[in-house]
Protein backbone atom coordinates (compact mmCIF):
# COMPACT_ATOMS: atom_id res chain seq x y z
CA MET A 1 55.36 62.01 183.12
CA PRO A 2 52.33 59.66 183.05
CA ILE A 3 48.81 61.06 183.31
CA ASP A 4 46.35 59.57 185.81
CA LYS A 5 43.08 61.27 184.86
CA ILE A 6 41.35 64.08 182.99
CA LEU A 7 39.20 66.51 184.95
CA THR A 8 36.68 68.96 183.53
CA HIS A 9 33.75 70.90 184.94
CA PRO A 10 30.32 69.40 185.62
CA GLY A 11 27.07 70.59 184.08
CA SER A 12 26.44 71.64 180.48
CA SER A 13 29.16 70.89 177.97
CA HIS A 14 30.48 72.71 174.92
CA LYS A 15 32.36 71.38 171.94
CA ASP A 16 35.69 72.82 173.02
CA GLU A 17 36.10 70.87 176.26
CA PHE A 18 34.39 67.82 174.75
CA LEU A 19 36.89 67.70 171.89
CA ALA A 20 39.78 68.58 174.22
CA CYS A 21 38.83 65.58 176.36
CA CYS A 22 38.53 63.40 173.23
CA VAL A 23 42.11 64.25 172.28
CA LEU A 24 43.40 63.67 175.80
CA ILE A 25 41.51 60.39 176.19
CA TYR A 26 43.14 59.01 173.06
CA GLN A 27 46.54 60.42 173.97
CA TYR A 28 46.65 59.09 177.55
CA GLN A 29 43.92 56.41 177.75
CA VAL A 30 42.77 57.53 181.20
CA PRO A 31 39.37 58.20 182.87
CA VAL A 32 37.51 61.50 182.74
CA LEU A 33 36.02 63.06 185.88
CA ARG A 34 33.44 65.85 185.70
CA ARG A 35 33.63 67.95 188.85
CA GLU A 36 35.15 71.20 190.07
CA PRO A 37 38.91 70.93 190.69
CA ASP A 38 40.49 71.68 194.04
CA GLU A 39 43.94 73.14 194.60
CA LYS A 40 45.54 69.69 194.74
CA ASP A 41 44.14 68.90 191.30
CA ILE A 42 45.49 72.14 189.86
CA GLN A 43 48.94 71.57 191.37
CA ASN A 44 49.13 67.92 190.22
CA PRO A 45 50.83 67.55 186.80
CA ARG A 46 49.46 64.00 186.52
CA ILE A 47 45.90 65.40 186.22
CA CYS A 48 44.79 67.22 183.05
CA VAL A 49 42.48 70.03 184.20
CA VAL A 50 40.43 71.12 181.19
CA ASP A 51 38.29 74.25 180.66
CA VAL A 52 38.17 74.98 184.38
CA GLY A 53 40.55 75.97 187.20
CA GLY A 54 41.48 79.47 186.07
CA GLU A 55 44.95 78.58 184.86
CA HIS A 56 46.74 77.83 181.63
CA ASN A 57 49.92 76.03 182.59
CA PRO A 58 50.97 73.25 180.20
CA GLU A 59 53.71 72.07 182.56
CA ARG A 60 51.02 71.27 185.11
CA LYS A 61 48.60 70.10 182.40
CA ASN A 62 46.13 72.88 183.16
CA PHE A 63 44.18 74.01 180.11
CA ASP A 64 41.74 76.78 181.00
CA HIS A 65 41.18 79.90 178.89
CA HIS A 66 38.51 81.74 180.86
CA GLN A 67 41.03 83.90 182.72
CA PHE A 68 42.43 85.41 179.50
CA PRO A 69 41.68 89.15 179.02
CA ARG A 70 38.72 90.19 176.88
CA ASP A 71 40.92 91.25 173.96
CA HIS A 72 42.97 88.03 173.95
CA PRO A 73 42.96 86.23 170.58
CA PRO A 74 40.23 83.56 170.58
CA LEU A 75 41.63 80.37 172.13
CA CYS A 76 39.50 77.62 173.63
CA ALA A 77 40.36 74.56 175.72
CA LEU A 78 40.90 72.47 172.59
CA SER A 79 43.32 75.09 171.25
CA LEU A 80 45.43 74.87 174.42
CA VAL A 81 45.51 71.08 174.38
CA LEU A 82 46.52 71.03 170.70
CA GLN A 83 49.26 73.56 171.44
CA ASP A 84 50.60 71.29 174.16
CA LEU A 85 50.72 68.39 171.69
CA ASN A 86 52.43 70.55 169.01
CA LEU A 87 49.46 70.05 166.70
CA TYR A 88 47.86 73.48 166.84
CA GLU A 89 49.53 75.05 163.80
CA ASN A 90 48.49 72.14 161.59
CA ALA A 91 45.00 72.26 163.05
CA ARG A 92 44.62 75.97 162.33
CA ALA A 93 45.95 75.50 158.81
CA PHE A 94 43.96 72.42 157.88
CA CYS A 95 40.87 72.20 160.12
CA ASP A 96 38.51 74.88 158.83
CA TRP A 97 36.13 74.28 161.73
CA LEU A 98 38.64 75.15 164.48
CA GLU A 99 38.71 78.95 164.24
CA PRO A 100 34.89 79.25 164.21
CA ALA A 101 34.82 76.94 167.25
CA GLU A 102 37.30 79.22 169.02
CA TRP A 103 35.21 82.29 168.24
CA LEU A 104 31.97 80.64 169.27
CA ASP A 105 33.33 79.49 172.62
CA THR A 106 35.19 82.67 173.54
CA ARG A 107 33.06 85.39 171.95
CA GLY A 108 29.60 83.81 171.96
CA PRO A 109 27.16 83.17 169.11
CA VAL A 110 26.37 86.82 168.31
CA GLU A 111 30.00 87.91 167.87
CA ALA A 112 30.92 84.64 166.19
CA SER A 113 28.15 84.98 163.62
CA LYS A 114 29.21 88.57 162.89
CA TRP A 115 32.81 87.41 162.42
CA MET A 116 31.63 84.62 160.11
CA ASN A 117 29.41 87.09 158.23
CA ILE A 118 26.31 84.97 158.69
CA GLU A 119 22.96 85.45 160.38
CA ARG A 120 22.79 84.35 164.00
CA LYS A 121 20.14 81.74 163.21
CA VAL A 122 22.48 79.92 160.82
CA LEU A 123 24.50 78.63 163.78
CA ASN A 124 21.41 76.89 165.16
CA GLN A 125 20.51 75.56 161.73
CA LEU A 126 23.89 73.79 161.56
CA ILE A 127 23.47 71.95 164.86
CA SER A 128 22.84 68.24 164.28
CA PRO A 129 21.39 65.50 166.51
CA ILE A 130 24.93 64.13 166.73
CA ASP A 131 26.07 67.34 168.46
CA ILE A 132 23.08 67.36 170.78
CA THR A 133 23.29 63.72 171.84
CA LEU A 134 27.05 63.54 172.39
CA LEU A 135 27.23 66.77 174.37
CA ARG A 136 24.13 65.92 176.42
CA ARG A 137 25.32 62.41 177.29
CA PHE A 138 28.77 63.76 178.16
CA ALA A 139 27.17 66.40 180.40
CA GLN A 140 25.16 63.73 182.22
CA ALA A 141 28.22 61.70 183.15
CA SER A 142 30.17 62.23 186.36
CA GLU A 143 32.90 59.77 185.38
CA LEU A 144 33.85 57.98 182.17
CA THR A 145 36.21 55.01 181.91
CA GLU A 146 37.25 52.71 179.09
CA LYS A 147 34.27 50.48 179.92
CA ASP A 148 31.83 53.24 178.92
CA VAL A 149 30.59 53.55 175.35
CA MET A 150 30.91 57.34 175.51
CA TRP A 151 34.59 57.06 176.53
CA GLN A 152 35.19 54.69 173.60
CA VAL A 153 33.48 57.04 171.13
CA MET A 154 35.45 59.99 172.45
CA SER A 155 38.67 58.01 172.09
CA MET A 156 37.79 57.34 168.44
CA VAL A 157 37.13 61.04 167.82
CA GLY A 158 40.46 61.91 169.42
CA GLU A 159 42.26 59.23 167.43
CA ASP A 160 40.91 60.44 164.09
CA LEU A 161 41.81 64.05 164.83
CA ILE A 162 45.30 63.34 166.14
CA GLU A 163 46.20 60.88 163.41
CA TYR A 164 44.91 63.25 160.73
CA LEU A 165 47.04 66.09 162.07
CA LYS A 166 50.12 63.93 162.63
CA THR A 167 50.03 62.34 159.19
CA LEU A 168 49.01 65.44 157.26
CA ASN A 169 52.57 66.55 156.49
CA GLU A 170 53.37 63.02 155.32
CA ARG A 171 50.31 63.09 153.04
CA LEU A 172 51.29 66.45 151.59
CA THR A 173 54.85 65.24 151.01
CA TYR A 174 53.49 62.14 149.27
CA LEU A 175 51.26 64.26 147.03
CA GLY A 176 54.16 66.56 146.18
CA GLU A 177 56.23 63.57 145.09
CA HIS A 178 53.54 61.92 142.96
CA CYS A 179 50.97 64.44 141.70
CA GLU A 180 50.96 65.62 138.10
CA TRP A 181 49.48 68.86 136.79
CA TRP A 182 47.53 68.27 133.62
CA THR A 183 46.43 70.88 131.11
CA VAL A 184 43.40 69.44 129.33
CA GLU A 185 42.55 70.83 125.90
CA THR A 186 39.05 71.23 124.48
CA GLU A 187 38.05 72.61 121.09
CA ASP A 188 38.15 76.21 122.25
CA GLN A 189 39.64 76.29 125.75
CA SER A 190 41.99 74.56 128.15
CA PHE A 191 41.82 73.97 131.88
CA GLU A 192 44.04 72.60 134.63
CA VAL A 193 43.59 69.36 136.56
CA VAL A 194 45.62 67.60 139.26
CA PHE A 195 46.23 63.88 138.72
CA LEU A 196 47.35 61.49 141.45
CA PRO A 197 48.53 58.20 139.92
CA ARG A 198 48.08 54.87 141.63
CA THR A 199 51.13 53.67 143.56
CA ASP A 200 51.98 50.35 145.14
CA PRO A 201 51.34 50.32 148.00
CA LEU A 202 48.47 52.78 147.84
CA PRO A 203 48.21 54.99 150.94
CA LYS A 204 45.01 54.86 152.96
CA GLU A 205 42.56 57.48 151.63
CA PRO A 206 45.13 58.88 149.16
CA SER A 207 42.93 61.78 148.01
CA MET A 208 42.11 63.11 151.49
CA ALA A 209 44.62 65.97 151.44
CA LEU A 210 44.36 66.82 147.72
CA PRO A 211 42.40 70.08 148.14
CA ARG A 212 44.89 71.23 150.77
CA PHE A 213 47.78 70.30 148.51
CA ILE A 214 46.30 72.29 145.63
CA SER A 215 45.88 75.30 147.89
CA GLN A 216 49.38 74.88 149.31
CA GLN A 217 50.77 74.95 145.77
CA GLY A 218 48.99 78.22 145.02
CA LYS A 219 46.75 76.66 142.37
CA ASP A 220 43.32 77.11 143.95
CA GLN A 221 42.24 79.51 141.21
CA ASN A 222 43.60 77.41 138.34
CA VAL A 223 42.72 73.81 139.07
CA ILE A 224 39.07 72.94 138.51
CA ALA A 225 39.13 69.13 138.83
CA MET A 226 40.94 66.27 140.56
CA VAL A 227 41.66 62.71 139.39
CA TYR A 228 42.75 60.20 142.01
CA PRO A 229 42.83 56.43 142.67
CA ASP A 230 39.44 54.98 143.54
CA SER A 231 39.82 53.34 146.96
CA ARG A 232 36.95 50.96 146.11
CA GLY A 233 38.29 49.73 142.78
CA ASP A 234 41.18 49.65 140.36
CA GLY A 235 40.16 52.77 138.46
CA TYR A 236 39.94 56.46 139.32
CA GLY A 237 37.64 59.01 140.86
CA LEU A 238 37.02 62.31 139.09
CA SER A 239 35.67 65.26 141.04
CA ARG A 240 35.32 69.01 141.01
CA HIS A 241 37.79 71.15 142.91
CA ASN A 242 36.08 73.85 145.00
CA ASP A 243 32.80 72.69 143.47
CA ASN A 244 33.69 74.33 140.16
CA LYS A 245 30.56 73.85 138.10
CA LYS A 246 32.42 74.06 134.81
CA MET A 247 32.89 70.35 135.42
CA ASP A 248 29.67 68.37 135.02
CA PHE A 249 30.33 64.65 135.31
CA THR A 250 26.75 63.72 134.46
CA ALA A 251 27.98 64.04 130.89
CA LEU A 252 29.83 60.75 131.47
CA LYS A 253 26.96 58.66 132.80
CA SER A 254 26.48 56.77 129.50
CA GLU A 255 30.14 55.94 129.02
CA PRO A 256 30.77 52.17 129.23
CA ASP A 257 33.79 52.55 131.53
CA VAL A 258 31.99 54.87 133.97
CA HIS A 259 30.16 52.96 136.68
CA PHE A 260 28.99 55.96 138.71
CA ALA A 261 28.21 59.59 137.96
CA HIS A 262 26.47 61.58 140.67
CA ALA A 263 23.22 63.21 139.63
CA ARG A 264 24.53 66.56 140.88
CA GLY A 265 27.52 66.28 138.59
CA PHE A 266 30.32 66.78 141.09
CA VAL A 267 31.92 63.33 141.03
CA ALA A 268 32.24 60.21 138.89
CA LYS A 269 34.00 56.85 139.15
CA THR A 270 35.60 55.04 136.24
CA SER A 271 37.43 51.79 135.59
CA ALA A 272 39.63 53.58 133.06
CA THR A 273 43.30 53.93 133.96
CA ASP A 274 44.91 55.25 130.78
CA PRO A 275 45.76 58.96 131.12
CA THR A 276 44.67 59.67 127.55
CA ARG A 277 41.23 58.20 128.24
CA LEU A 278 40.95 60.08 131.54
CA LYS A 279 41.73 63.35 129.77
CA GLU A 280 39.05 62.56 127.17
CA MET A 281 36.53 62.17 129.97
CA LEU A 282 37.56 65.44 131.60
CA ALA A 283 37.22 67.26 128.29
CA ALA A 284 33.77 65.73 127.76
CA ALA A 285 32.66 66.86 131.22
CA TYR A 286 33.87 70.42 130.75
CA ARG A 287 30.98 72.87 130.36
CA SER A 288 32.77 75.45 128.19
CA ARG A 289 29.72 76.36 126.13
CA ARG A 290 27.09 76.33 128.89
CA SER A 291 26.31 78.82 131.61
CA GLU A 292 27.31 77.79 135.14
């Protein structure tokens, strides 16, 4: 059934309904209205009613969570929309920000910070001008259509999130078919690295899901570095996995085939393509004899 519009509450806005509307805008390419729904809106399956209305009914496209009991598992408006699109399980598995967002919206900042084991003030310290401006401008609008810049930005946010979640399994399958597990030897120790060779054609952003793939394979505690095709050149990128400081790529900054080594040591770019040479670089960057 086609969707005619998205409806959410007026006034101040939170990330959950903002992101829920982003996803729905991209999915259905329809306007957003910010007002209180009436009974006709709630009964109309061609209107997505988001974060308001007192009902969660996917068949009628109603996505409110405020009527859930106090002890209900944390679910926000975005959670309900992602469930309806069959993307929620992937989002919970691969979007680390989603569960904190659910806690923050349903339990409030005090309980959320306790659950995250951080001080309450840290939540405020992580708010950026991007958050403030987008939520404030969204709150000021009574209606958004495809002619509005805010609608266009929200559509882009929804597109990136949906496409990431939809293509994630494909990315992980690709990595499983092509990745190699290297054991790199030094004079006194060895360590494990994941290597993604260049293929033709090369997928867009081939390394994006590498950390997830490593975790999925149960190698989070073993792998300390990643080598993957450089999307800006014909060579490879080398980077730490989980910011393991046993790898210090500043050691490579003087190498003739290294054109970039970050001053913090977590990443380098090289024109080298031969696996033997790449392993030499990894061994040179390994800090086996220095404290972390």
